[in-house]
Amino acid sequence: MVAGARGKPASASVRQCGDPNKEIRDKLAQMKEKGCQFAPMSREGNHYRSTFTCPVKGGSLTMSEVITVKGDSSYQDANESRFGKQVTHTTIVATRVGECSPTGAAAAPPPGR
């Protein structure tokens, strides 16, 4: 969602097989390689807050993120990106639906879901 934009926010649903811990480690490593600077992460209950700034062409991009752990199989990631006067908000809601298949694809949900 972009500040000042008209209309409904875009929404998408993605189903993938993954390891959230590995994905976060890989993402942080890539961002460090690009010269991003990280503020210390803070935790308050089940909320984890982080902020980082990355150099980009024409200035810097600042992102603030709050990850809310909702249990062993669910979390929400709400973030805000700022580049100049442009502000973008993104929310990701992740829910575990089952084991990954041997091919690495997301397994089908159990019957009744």
PDB file of N, CA and C in Angstrom:
ATOM      1  N   MET A   1       0.863  -1.159   0.000  1.00  0.00           N
ATOM      2  CA  MET A   1       0.000   0.000   0.000  1.00  0.00           C
ATOM      3  C   MET A   1       0.911   1.224   0.000  1.00  0.00           C
ATOM      4  N   VAL A   2       0.710   2.120  -0.921  1.00  0.00           N
ATOM      5  CA  VAL A   2       1.526   3.323  -1.039  1.00  0.00           C
ATOM      6  C   VAL A   2       0.737   4.509  -0.507  1.00  0.00           C
ATOM      7  N   ALA A   3       1.365   5.302   0.379  1.00  0.00           N
ATOM      8  CA  ALA A   3       0.692   6.480   0.946  1.00  0.00           C
ATOM      9  C   ALA A   3       0.240   7.392  -0.178  1.00  0.00           C
ATOM     10  N   GLY A   4      -0.980   7.828  -0.117  1.00  0.00           N
ATOM     11  CA  GLY A   4      -1.518   8.725  -1.124  1.00  0.00           C
ATOM     12  C   GLY A   4      -2.103   8.012  -2.327  1.00  0.00           C
ATOM     13  N   ALA A   5      -1.906   6.698  -2.431  1.00  0.00           N
ATOM     14  CA  ALA A   5      -2.447   5.942  -3.556  1.00  0.00           C
ATOM     15  C   ALA A   5      -3.947   5.773  -3.365  1.00  0.00           C
ATOM     16  N   ARG A   6      -4.646   5.705  -4.468  1.00  0.00           N
ATOM     17  CA  ARG A   6      -6.097   5.548  -4.416  1.00  0.00           C
ATOM     18  C   ARG A   6      -6.474   4.097  -4.707  1.00  0.00           C
ATOM     19  N   GLY A   7      -7.597   3.689  -4.174  1.00  0.00           N
ATOM     20  CA  GLY A   7      -8.074   2.342  -4.429  1.00  0.00           C
ATOM     21  C   GLY A   7      -7.684   1.385  -3.335  1.00  0.00           C
ATOM     22  N   LYS A   8      -8.037   0.121  -3.557  1.00  0.00           N
ATOM     23  CA  LYS A   8      -7.768  -0.909  -2.562  1.00  0.00           C
ATOM     24  C   LYS A   8      -6.317  -1.358  -2.638  1.00  0.00           C
ATOM     25  N   PRO A   9      -5.750  -1.741  -1.492  1.00  0.00           N
ATOM     26  CA  PRO A   9      -4.400  -2.305  -1.505  1.00  0.00           C
ATOM     27  C   PRO A   9      -4.384  -3.613  -2.283  1.00  0.00           C
ATOM     28  N   ALA A  10      -3.260  -3.912  -2.903  1.00  0.00           N
ATOM     29  CA  ALA A  10      -3.121  -5.170  -3.626  1.00  0.00           C
ATOM     30  C   ALA A  10      -3.025  -6.312  -2.628  1.00  0.00           C
ATOM     31  N   SER A  11      -3.551  -7.460  -3.013  1.00  0.00           N
ATOM     32  CA  SER A  11      -3.497  -8.632  -2.154  1.00  0.00           C
ATOM     33  C   SER A  11      -3.101  -9.827  -3.005  1.00  0.00           C
ATOM     34  N   ALA A  12      -2.257 -10.691  -2.461  1.00  0.00           N
ATOM     35  CA  ALA A  12      -1.842 -11.890  -3.181  1.00  0.00           C
ATOM     36  C   ALA A  12      -1.722 -13.031  -2.188  1.00  0.00           C
ATOM     37  N   SER A  13      -1.902 -14.239  -2.686  1.00  0.00           N
ATOM     38  CA  SER A  13      -1.752 -15.422  -1.862  1.00  0.00           C
ATOM     39  C   SER A  13      -0.693 -16.303  -2.512  1.00  0.00           C
ATOM     40  N   VAL A  14       0.296 -16.717  -1.722  1.00  0.00           N
ATOM     41  CA  VAL A  14       1.385 -17.537  -2.238  1.00  0.00           C
ATOM     42  C   VAL A  14       1.510 -18.772  -1.365  1.00  0.00           C
ATOM     43  N   ARG A  15       1.724 -19.886  -1.990  1.00  0.00           N
ATOM     44  CA  ARG A  15       1.912 -21.138  -1.258  1.00  0.00           C
ATOM     45  C   ARG A  15       3.289 -21.663  -1.640  1.00  0.00           C
ATOM     46  N   GLN A  16       4.158 -21.818  -0.643  1.00  0.00           N
ATOM     47  CA  GLN A  16       5.496 -22.301  -0.939  1.00  0.00           C
ATOM     48  C   GLN A  16       6.023 -23.134   0.206  1.00  0.00           C
ATOM     49  N   CYS A  17       6.981 -23.950  -0.119  1.00  0.00           N
ATOM     50  CA  CYS A  17       7.638 -24.764   0.885  1.00  0.00           C
ATOM     51  C   CYS A  17       8.899 -24.021   1.292  1.00  0.00           C
ATOM     52  N   GLY A  18       9.105 -23.863   2.597  1.00  0.00           N
ATOM     53  CA  GLY A  18      10.280 -23.119   3.001  1.00  0.00           C
ATOM     54  C   GLY A  18      10.660 -23.334   4.442  1.00  0.00           C
ATOM     55  N   ASP A  19      11.849 -22.817   4.766  1.00  0.00           N
ATOM     56  CA  ASP A  19      12.383 -22.853   6.115  1.00  0.00           C
ATOM     57  C   ASP A  19      12.548 -21.401   6.542  1.00  0.00           C
ATOM     58  N   PRO A  20      11.616 -20.848   7.345  1.00  0.00           N
ATOM     59  CA  PRO A  20      11.664 -19.431   7.712  1.00  0.00           C
ATOM     60  C   PRO A  20      12.991 -18.999   8.331  1.00  0.00           C
ATOM     61  N   ASN A  21      13.597 -19.836   9.168  1.00  0.00           N
ATOM     62  CA  ASN A  21      14.873 -19.470   9.782  1.00  0.00           C
ATOM     63  C   ASN A  21      15.966 -19.298   8.733  1.00  0.00           C
ATOM     64  N   LYS A  22      16.064 -20.228   7.803  1.00  0.00           N
ATOM     65  CA  LYS A  22      17.066 -20.143   6.739  1.00  0.00           C
ATOM     66  C   LYS A  22      16.795 -18.939   5.845  1.00  0.00           C
ATOM     67  N   GLU A  23      15.534 -18.715   5.521  1.00  0.00           N
ATOM     68  CA  GLU A  23      15.181 -17.595   4.649  1.00  0.00           C
ATOM     69  C   GLU A  23      15.584 -16.258   5.279  1.00  0.00           C
ATOM     70  N   ILE A  24      15.360 -16.103   6.578  1.00  0.00           N
ATOM     71  CA  ILE A  24      15.725 -14.863   7.261  1.00  0.00           C
ATOM     72  C   ILE A  24      17.242 -14.700   7.287  1.00  0.00           C
ATOM     73  N   ARG A  25      17.970 -15.773   7.611  1.00  0.00           N
ATOM     74  CA  ARG A  25      19.444 -15.708   7.622  1.00  0.00           C
ATOM     75  C   ARG A  25      19.981 -15.318   6.245  1.00  0.00           C
ATOM     76  N   ASP A  26      19.441 -15.942   5.186  1.00  0.00           N
ATOM     77  CA  ASP A  26      19.885 -15.639   3.823  1.00  0.00           C
ATOM     78  C   ASP A  26      19.574 -14.187   3.449  1.00  0.00           C
ATOM     79  N   LYS A  27      18.383 -13.716   3.804  1.00  0.00           N
ATOM     80  CA  LYS A  27      17.984 -12.339   3.498  1.00  0.00           C
ATOM     81  C   LYS A  27      18.917 -11.342   4.192  1.00  0.00           C
ATOM     82  N   LEU A  28      19.220 -11.571   5.462  1.00  0.00           N
ATOM     83  CA  LEU A  28      20.110 -10.671   6.198  1.00  0.00           C
ATOM     84  C   LEU A  28      21.507 -10.668   5.600  1.00  0.00           C
ATOM     85  N   ALA A  29      22.010 -11.833   5.210  1.00  0.00           N
ATOM     86  CA  ALA A  29      23.341 -11.918   4.597  1.00  0.00           C
ATOM     87  C   ALA A  29      23.384 -11.130   3.280  1.00  0.00           C
ATOM     88  N   GLN A  30      22.354 -11.258   2.467  1.00  0.00           N
ATOM     89  CA  GLN A  30      22.289 -10.521   1.198  1.00  0.00           C
ATOM     90  C   GLN A  30      22.247  -9.020   1.440  1.00  0.00           C
ATOM     91  N   MET A  31      21.486  -8.603   2.441  1.00  0.00           N
ATOM     92  CA  MET A  31      21.362  -7.170   2.735  1.00  0.00           C
ATOM     93  C   MET A  31      22.687  -6.605   3.257  1.00  0.00           C
ATOM     94  N   LYS A  32      23.404  -7.367   4.081  1.00  0.00           N
ATOM     95  CA  LYS A  32      24.705  -6.923   4.577  1.00  0.00           C
ATOM     96  C   LYS A  32      25.680  -6.748   3.424  1.00  0.00           C
ATOM     97  N   GLU A  33      25.638  -7.667   2.443  1.00  0.00           N
ATOM     98  CA  GLU A  33      26.511  -7.571   1.270  1.00  0.00           C
ATOM     99  C   GLU A  33      26.231  -6.295   0.476  1.00  0.00           C
ATOM    100  N   LYS A  34      24.998  -5.816   0.523  1.00  0.00           N
ATOM    101  CA  LYS A  34      24.611  -4.601  -0.209  1.00  0.00           C
ATOM    102  C   LYS A  34      24.889  -3.333   0.594  1.00  0.00           C
ATOM    103  N   GLY A  35      25.450  -3.480   1.792  1.00  0.00           N
ATOM    104  CA  GLY A  35      25.814  -2.313   2.594  1.00  0.00           C
ATOM    105  C   GLY A  35      24.731  -1.801   3.524  1.00  0.00           C
ATOM    106  N   CYS A  36      23.722  -2.597   3.797  1.00  0.00           N
ATOM    107  CA  CYS A  36      22.647  -2.175   4.692  1.00  0.00           C
ATOM    108  C   CYS A  36      23.162  -2.097   6.135  1.00  0.00           C
ATOM    109  N   GLN A  37      22.626  -1.142   6.887  1.00  0.00           N
ATOM    110  CA  GLN A  37      22.974  -0.949   8.288  1.00  0.00           C
ATOM    111  C   GLN A  37      21.757  -1.321   9.126  1.00  0.00           C
ATOM    112  N   PHE A  38      21.977  -2.107  10.185  1.00  0.00           N
ATOM    113  CA  PHE A  38      20.894  -2.617  11.009  1.00  0.00           C
ATOM    114  C   PHE A  38      20.926  -2.018  12.409  1.00  0.00           C
ATOM    115  N   ALA A  39      19.779  -1.596  12.911  1.00  0.00           N
ATOM    116  CA  ALA A  39      19.653  -1.210  14.317  1.00  0.00           C
ATOM    117  C   ALA A  39      19.440  -2.504  15.099  1.00  0.00           C
ATOM    118  N   PRO A  40      19.797  -2.542  16.372  1.00  0.00           N
ATOM    119  CA  PRO A  40      19.573  -3.766  17.156  1.00  0.00           C
ATOM    120  C   PRO A  40      18.083  -4.141  17.177  1.00  0.00           C
ATOM    121  N   MET A  41      17.814  -5.440  17.052  1.00  0.00           N
ATOM    122  CA  MET A  41      16.437  -5.927  17.106  1.00  0.00           C
ATOM    123  C   MET A  41      15.969  -5.879  18.554  1.00  0.00           C
ATOM    124  N   SER A  42      14.701  -5.538  18.739  1.00  0.00           N
ATOM    125  CA  SER A  42      14.137  -5.540  20.091  1.00  0.00           C
ATOM    126  C   SER A  42      12.967  -6.517  20.140  1.00  0.00           C
ATOM    127  N   ARG A  43      12.718  -7.009  21.333  1.00  0.00           N
ATOM    128  CA  ARG A  43      11.613  -7.944  21.534  1.00  0.00           C
ATOM    129  C   ARG A  43      10.766  -7.460  22.690  1.00  0.00           C
ATOM    130  N   GLU A  44       9.459  -7.496  22.465  1.00  0.00           N
ATOM    131  CA  GLU A  44       8.488  -7.170  23.512  1.00  0.00           C
ATOM    132  C   GLU A  44       7.387  -8.211  23.415  1.00  0.00           C
ATOM    133  N   GLY A  45       7.407  -9.179  24.323  1.00  0.00           N
ATOM    134  CA  GLY A  45       6.443 -10.275  24.255  1.00  0.00           C
ATOM    135  C   GLY A  45       6.664 -11.081  22.989  1.00  0.00           C
ATOM    136  N   ASN A  46       5.635 -11.197  22.164  1.00  0.00           N
ATOM    137  CA  ASN A  46       5.748 -11.946  20.915  1.00  0.00           C
ATOM    138  C   ASN A  46       5.985 -11.032  19.702  1.00  0.00           C
ATOM    139  N   HIS A  47       6.377  -9.774  19.951  1.00  0.00           N
ATOM    140  CA  HIS A  47       6.653  -8.811  18.883  1.00  0.00           C
ATOM    141  C   HIS A  47       8.161  -8.588  18.756  1.00  0.00           C
ATOM    142  N   TYR A  48       8.687  -8.733  17.553  1.00  0.00           N
ATOM    143  CA  TYR A  48      10.098  -8.494  17.271  1.00  0.00           C
ATOM    144  C   TYR A  48      10.181  -7.296  16.326  1.00  0.00           C
ATOM    145  N   ARG A  49      10.912  -6.255  16.729  1.00  0.00           N
ATOM    146  CA  ARG A  49      11.020  -5.033  15.934  1.00  0.00           C
ATOM    147  C   ARG A  49      12.435  -4.860  15.414  1.00  0.00           C
ATOM    148  N   SER A  50      12.530  -4.471  14.144  1.00  0.00           N
ATOM    149  CA  SER A  50      13.836  -4.192  13.562  1.00  0.00           C
ATOM    150  C   SER A  50      13.724  -3.034  12.586  1.00  0.00           C
ATOM    151  N   THR A  51      14.844  -2.346  12.416  1.00  0.00           N
ATOM    152  CA  THR A  51      14.922  -1.228  11.475  1.00  0.00           C
ATOM    153  C   THR A  51      16.262  -1.330  10.767  1.00  0.00           C
ATOM    154  N   PHE A  52      16.256  -1.049   9.484  1.00  0.00           N
ATOM    155  CA  PHE A  52      17.514  -1.043   8.747  1.00  0.00           C
ATOM    156  C   PHE A  52      17.440  -0.028   7.621  1.00  0.00           C
ATOM    157  N   THR A  53      18.612   0.435   7.206  1.00  0.00           N
ATOM    158  CA  THR A  53      18.731   1.415   6.130  1.00  0.00           C
ATOM    159  C   THR A  53      19.701   0.858   5.100  1.00  0.00           C
ATOM    160  N   CYS A  54      19.294   0.936   3.838  1.00  0.00           N
ATOM    161  CA  CYS A  54      20.117   0.411   2.754  1.00  0.00           C
ATOM    162  C   CYS A  54      20.386   1.505   1.730  1.00  0.00           C
ATOM    163  N   PRO A  55      21.627   1.577   1.238  1.00  0.00           N
ATOM    164  CA  PRO A  55      21.921   2.542   0.183  1.00  0.00           C
ATOM    165  C   PRO A  55      21.290   2.069  -1.131  1.00  0.00           C
ATOM    166  N   VAL A  56      20.636   2.979  -1.820  1.00  0.00           N
ATOM    167  CA  VAL A  56      20.054   2.681  -3.129  1.00  0.00           C
ATOM    168  C   VAL A  56      20.336   3.864  -4.044  1.00  0.00           C
ATOM    169  N   LYS A  57      20.209   3.654  -5.320  1.00  0.00           N
ATOM    170  CA  LYS A  57      20.446   4.729  -6.283  1.00  0.00           C
ATOM    171  C   LYS A  57      19.508   5.898  -5.961  1.00  0.00           C
ATOM    172  N   GLY A  58      20.085   7.075  -5.769  1.00  0.00           N
ATOM    173  CA  GLY A  58      19.275   8.255  -5.500  1.00  0.00           C
ATOM    174  C   GLY A  58      19.018   8.526  -4.031  1.00  0.00           C
ATOM    175  N   GLY A  59      19.623   7.750  -3.125  1.00  0.00           N
ATOM    176  CA  GLY A  59      19.401   8.009  -1.698  1.00  0.00           C
ATOM    177  C   GLY A  59      19.522   6.761  -0.864  1.00  0.00           C
ATOM    178  N   SER A  60      18.641   6.654   0.122  1.00  0.00           N
ATOM    179  CA  SER A  60      18.649   5.470   0.979  1.00  0.00           C
ATOM    180  C   SER A  60      17.214   5.030   1.242  1.00  0.00           C
ATOM    181  N   LEU A  61      17.075   3.754   1.476  1.00  0.00           N
ATOM    182  CA  LEU A  61      15.785   3.128   1.766  1.00  0.00           C
ATOM    183  C   LEU A  61      15.801   2.707   3.227  1.00  0.00           C
ATOM    184  N   THR A  62      14.814   3.155   3.983  1.00  0.00           N
ATOM    185  CA  THR A  62      14.704   2.783   5.393  1.00  0.00           C
ATOM    186  C   THR A  62      13.481   1.899   5.569  1.00  0.00           C
ATOM    187  N   MET A  63      13.687   0.784   6.256  1.00  0.00           N
ATOM    188  CA  MET A  63      12.587  -0.142   6.500  1.00  0.00           C
ATOM    189  C   MET A  63      12.453  -0.406   7.991  1.00  0.00           C
ATOM    190  N   SER A  64      11.214  -0.401   8.465  1.00  0.00           N
ATOM    191  CA  SER A  64      10.885  -0.753   9.840  1.00  0.00           C
ATOM    192  C   SER A  64       9.970  -1.963   9.768  1.00  0.00           C
ATOM    193  N   GLU A  65      10.245  -2.945  10.604  1.00  0.00           N
ATOM    194  CA  GLU A  65       9.518  -4.201  10.519  1.00  0.00           C
ATOM    195  C   GLU A  65       9.109  -4.673  11.910  1.00  0.00           C
ATOM    196  N   VAL A  66       7.891  -5.197  12.012  1.00  0.00           N
ATOM    197  CA  VAL A  66       7.421  -5.812  13.248  1.00  0.00           C
ATOM    198  C   VAL A  66       6.910  -7.207  12.889  1.00  0.00           C
ATOM    199  N   ILE A  67       7.568  -8.218  13.473  1.00  0.00           N
ATOM    200  CA  ILE A  67       7.124  -9.598  13.285  1.00  0.00           C
ATOM    201  C   ILE A  67       6.410 -10.023  14.559  1.00  0.00           C
ATOM    202  N   THR A  68       5.173 -10.470  14.393  1.00  0.00           N
ATOM    203  CA  THR A  68       4.376 -10.934  15.529  1.00  0.00           C
ATOM    204  C   THR A  68       4.218 -12.441  15.407  1.00  0.00           C
ATOM    205  N   VAL A  69       4.784 -13.169  16.361  1.00  0.00           N
ATOM    206  CA  VAL A  69       4.685 -14.623  16.371  1.00  0.00           C
ATOM    207  C   VAL A  69       3.345 -14.981  17.006  1.00  0.00           C
ATOM    208  N   LYS A  70       2.530 -15.727  16.253  1.00  0.00           N
ATOM    209  CA  LYS A  70       1.194 -16.075  16.737  1.00  0.00           C
ATOM    210  C   LYS A  70       1.112 -17.501  17.251  1.00  0.00           C
ATOM    211  N   GLY A  71       2.206 -18.235  17.178  1.00  0.00           N
ATOM    212  CA  GLY A  71       2.240 -19.612  17.645  1.00  0.00           C
ATOM    213  C   GLY A  71       3.308 -20.372  16.883  1.00  0.00           C
ATOM    214  N   ASP A  72       3.363 -21.675  17.100  1.00  0.00           N
ATOM    215  CA  ASP A  72       4.369 -22.502  16.442  1.00  0.00           C
ATOM    216  C   ASP A  72       4.208 -22.552  14.929  1.00  0.00           C
ATOM    217  N   SER A  73       3.036 -22.224  14.426  1.00  0.00           N
ATOM    218  CA  SER A  73       2.802 -22.388  12.997  1.00  0.00           C
ATOM    219  C   SER A  73       2.268 -21.135  12.306  1.00  0.00           C
ATOM    220  N   SER A  74       2.422 -19.962  12.927  1.00  0.00           N
ATOM    221  CA  SER A  74       1.875 -18.763  12.301  1.00  0.00           C
ATOM    222  C   SER A  74       2.599 -17.503  12.787  1.00  0.00           C
ATOM    223  N   TYR A  75       2.789 -16.563  11.857  1.00  0.00           N
ATOM    224  CA  TYR A  75       3.326 -15.258  12.217  1.00  0.00           C
ATOM    225  C   TYR A  75       2.816 -14.202  11.252  1.00  0.00           C
ATOM    226  N   GLN A  76       2.954 -12.952  11.649  1.00  0.00           N
ATOM    227  CA  GLN A  76       2.589 -11.822  10.789  1.00  0.00           C
ATOM    228  C   GLN A  76       3.789 -10.888  10.724  1.00  0.00           C
ATOM    229  N   ASP A  77       4.104 -10.420   9.537  1.00  0.00           N
ATOM    230  CA  ASP A  77       5.224  -9.513   9.309  1.00  0.00           C
ATOM    231  C   ASP A  77       4.659  -8.228   8.712  1.00  0.00           C
ATOM    232  N   ALA A  78       4.688  -7.138   9.481  1.00  0.00           N
ATOM    233  CA  ALA A  78       4.203  -5.835   9.009  1.00  0.00           C
ATOM    234  C   ALA A  78       5.412  -4.926   8.856  1.00  0.00           C
ATOM    235  N   ASN A  79       5.593  -4.345   7.656  1.00  0.00           N
ATOM    236  CA  ASN A  79       6.732  -3.454   7.496  1.00  0.00           C
ATOM    237  C   ASN A  79       6.363  -2.183   6.754  1.00  0.00           C
ATOM    238  N   GLU A  80       7.202  -1.194   6.979  1.00  0.00           N
ATOM    239  CA  GLU A  80       7.042   0.111   6.348  1.00  0.00           C
ATOM    240  C   GLU A  80       8.366   0.452   5.678  1.00  0.00           C
ATOM    241  N   SER A  81       8.311   0.832   4.406  1.00  0.00           N
ATOM    242  CA  SER A  81       9.490   1.238   3.642  1.00  0.00           C
ATOM    243  C   SER A  81       9.381   2.713   3.318  1.00  0.00           C
ATOM    244  N   ARG A  82      10.486   3.437   3.482  1.00  0.00           N
ATOM    245  CA  ARG A  82      10.522   4.864   3.164  1.00  0.00           C
ATOM    246  C   ARG A  82      11.685   5.151   2.230  1.00  0.00           C
ATOM    247  N   PHE A  83      11.360   5.805   1.127  1.00  0.00           N
ATOM    248  CA  PHE A  83      12.361   6.277   0.187  1.00  0.00           C
ATOM    249  C   PHE A  83      11.939   7.688  -0.210  1.00  0.00           C
ATOM    250  N   GLY A  84      12.653   8.680   0.309  1.00  0.00           N
ATOM    251  CA  GLY A  84      12.236  10.061   0.084  1.00  0.00           C
ATOM    252  C   GLY A  84      10.867  10.287   0.683  1.00  0.00           C
ATOM    253  N   LYS A  85       9.934  10.771  -0.123  1.00  0.00           N
ATOM    254  CA  LYS A  85       8.576  11.031   0.355  1.00  0.00           C
ATOM    255  C   LYS A  85       7.644   9.836   0.154  1.00  0.00           C
ATOM    256  N   GLN A  86       8.143   8.805  -0.510  1.00  0.00           N
ATOM    257  CA  GLN A  86       7.312   7.630  -0.780  1.00  0.00           C
ATOM    258  C   GLN A  86       7.341   6.671   0.411  1.00  0.00           C
ATOM    259  N   VAL A  87       6.158   6.265   0.872  1.00  0.00           N
ATOM    260  CA  VAL A  87       6.020   5.325   1.984  1.00  0.00           C
ATOM    261  C   VAL A  87       5.164   4.144   1.506  1.00  0.00           C
ATOM    262  N   THR A  88       5.656   2.945   1.752  1.00  0.00           N
ATOM    263  CA  THR A  88       4.938   1.737   1.369  1.00  0.00           C
ATOM    264  C   THR A  88       4.761   0.851   2.597  1.00  0.00           C
ATOM    265  N   HIS A  89       3.556   0.321   2.779  1.00  0.00           N
ATOM    266  CA  HIS A  89       3.275  -0.615   3.879  1.00  0.00           C
ATOM    267  C   HIS A  89       2.976  -1.980   3.282  1.00  0.00           C
ATOM    268  N   THR A  90       3.555  -3.003   3.889  1.00  0.00           N
ATOM    269  CA  THR A  90       3.326  -4.372   3.452  1.00  0.00           C
ATOM    270  C   THR A  90       3.048  -5.239   4.672  1.00  0.00           C
ATOM    271  N   THR A  91       2.075  -6.134   4.555  1.00  0.00           N
ATOM    272  CA  THR A  91       1.785  -7.083   5.623  1.00  0.00           C
ATOM    273  C   THR A  91       1.784  -8.484   5.029  1.00  0.00           C
ATOM    274  N   ILE A  92       2.525  -9.378   5.669  1.00  0.00           N
ATOM    275  CA  ILE A  92       2.560 -10.777   5.266  1.00  0.00           C
ATOM    276  C   ILE A  92       2.008 -11.597   6.423  1.00  0.00           C
ATOM    277  N   VAL A  93       1.060 -12.469   6.126  1.00  0.00           N
ATOM    278  CA  VAL A  93       0.512 -13.382   7.122  1.00  0.00           C
ATOM    279  C   VAL A  93       0.914 -14.784   6.669  1.00  0.00           C
ATOM    280  N   ALA A  94       1.695 -15.467   7.505  1.00  0.00           N
ATOM    281  CA  ALA A  94       2.196 -16.791   7.155  1.00  0.00           C
ATOM    282  C   ALA A  94       1.619 -17.838   8.096  1.00  0.00           C
ATOM    283  N   THR A  95       1.160 -18.930   7.514  1.00  0.00           N
ATOM    284  CA  THR A  95       0.593 -20.033   8.287  1.00  0.00           C
ATOM    285  C   THR A  95       1.135 -21.349   7.753  1.00  0.00           C
ATOM    286  N   ARG A  96       1.599 -22.183   8.643  1.00  0.00           N
ATOM    287  CA  ARG A  96       2.100 -23.503   8.257  1.00  0.00           C
ATOM    288  C   ARG A  96       0.900 -24.392   7.953  1.00  0.00           C
ATOM    289  N   VAL A  97       0.954 -25.070   6.796  1.00  0.00           N
ATOM    290  CA  VAL A  97      -0.165 -25.931   6.420  1.00  0.00           C
ATOM    291  C   VAL A  97       0.211 -27.408   6.369  1.00  0.00           C
ATOM    292  N   GLY A  98       1.496 -27.723   6.499  1.00  0.00           N
ATOM    293  CA  GLY A  98       1.893 -29.126   6.478  1.00  0.00           C
ATOM    294  C   GLY A  98       3.353 -29.289   6.133  1.00  0.00           C
ATOM    295  N   GLU A  99       3.756 -30.551   6.010  1.00  0.00           N
ATOM    296  CA  GLU A  99       5.135 -30.877   5.669  1.00  0.00           C
ATOM    297  C   GLU A  99       5.383 -30.605   4.192  1.00  0.00           C
ATOM    298  N   CYS A 100       6.633 -30.332   3.859  1.00  0.00           N
ATOM    299  CA  CYS A 100       7.013 -30.178   2.452  1.00  0.00           C
ATOM    300  C   CYS A 100       7.047 -31.549   1.797  1.00  0.00           C
ATOM    301  N   SER A 101       6.753 -31.577   0.510  1.00  0.00           N
ATOM    302  CA  SER A 101       6.835 -32.840  -0.221  1.00  0.00           C
ATOM    303  C   SER A 101       8.316 -33.123  -0.518  1.00  0.00           C
ATOM    304  N   PRO A 102       8.659 -34.349  -0.878  1.00  0.00           N
ATOM    305  CA  PRO A 102      10.060 -34.673  -1.198  1.00  0.00           C
ATOM    306  C   PRO A 102      10.623 -33.826  -2.346  1.00  0.00           C
ATOM    307  N   THR A 103       9.771 -33.308  -3.220  1.00  0.00           N
ATOM    308  CA  THR A 103      10.236 -32.494  -4.342  1.00  0.00           C
ATOM    309  C   THR A 103      10.474 -31.043  -3.936  1.00  0.00           C
ATOM    310  N   GLY A 104      10.109 -30.688  -2.702  1.00  0.00           N
ATOM    311  CA  GLY A 104      10.307 -29.305  -2.240  1.00  0.00           C
ATOM    312  C   GLY A 104       9.100 -28.428  -2.448  1.00  0.00           C
ATOM    313  N   ALA A 105       8.050 -28.965  -3.058  1.00  0.00           N
ATOM    314  CA  ALA A 105       6.831 -28.194  -3.263  1.00  0.00           C
ATOM    315  C   ALA A 105       6.003 -28.234  -1.982  1.00  0.00           C
ATOM    316  N   ALA A 106       5.122 -27.269  -1.823  1.00  0.00           N
ATOM    317  CA  ALA A 106       4.249 -27.239  -0.648  1.00  0.00           C
ATOM    318  C   ALA A 106       3.284 -28.422  -0.743  1.00  0.00           C
ATOM    319  N   ALA A 107       3.141 -29.098   0.353  1.00  0.00           N
ATOM    320  CA  ALA A 107       2.210 -30.233   0.401  1.00  0.00           C
ATOM    321  C   ALA A 107       0.781 -29.712   0.410  1.00  0.00           C
ATOM    322  N   ALA A 108      -0.136 -30.542  -0.046  1.00  0.00           N
ATOM    323  CA  ALA A 108      -1.546 -30.170  -0.025  1.00  0.00           C
ATOM    324  C   ALA A 108      -2.020 -30.100   1.418  1.00  0.00           C
ATOM    325  N   PRO A 109      -2.958 -29.189   1.707  1.00  0.00           N
ATOM    326  CA  PRO A 109      -3.455 -29.113   3.076  1.00  0.00           C
ATOM    327  C   PRO A 109      -4.244 -30.366   3.418  1.00  0.00           C
ATOM    328  N   PRO A 110      -4.338 -30.676   4.699  1.00  0.00           N
ATOM    329  CA  PRO A 110      -5.124 -31.835   5.110  1.00  0.00           C
ATOM    330  C   PRO A 110      -6.577 -31.651   4.665  1.00  0.00           C
ATOM    331  N   PRO A 111      -7.315 -32.763   4.469  1.00  0.00           N
ATOM    332  CA  PRO A 111      -8.716 -32.660   4.080  1.00  0.00           C
ATOM    333  C   PRO A 111      -9.493 -31.795   5.076  1.00  0.00           C
ATOM    334  N   GLY A 112     -10.442 -31.032   4.545  1.00  0.00           N
ATOM    335  CA  GLY A 112     -11.262 -30.195   5.402  1.00  0.00           C
ATOM    336  C   GLY A 112     -10.751 -28.780   5.525  1.00  0.00           C
ATOM    337  N   ARG A 113      -9.623 -28.452   4.908  1.00  0.00           N
ATOM    338  CA  ARG A 113      -9.082 -27.075   4.962  1.00  0.00           C
ATOM    339  C   ARG A 113      -9.304 -26.362   3.681  1.00  0.00           C
TER     340      ARG A 113
END
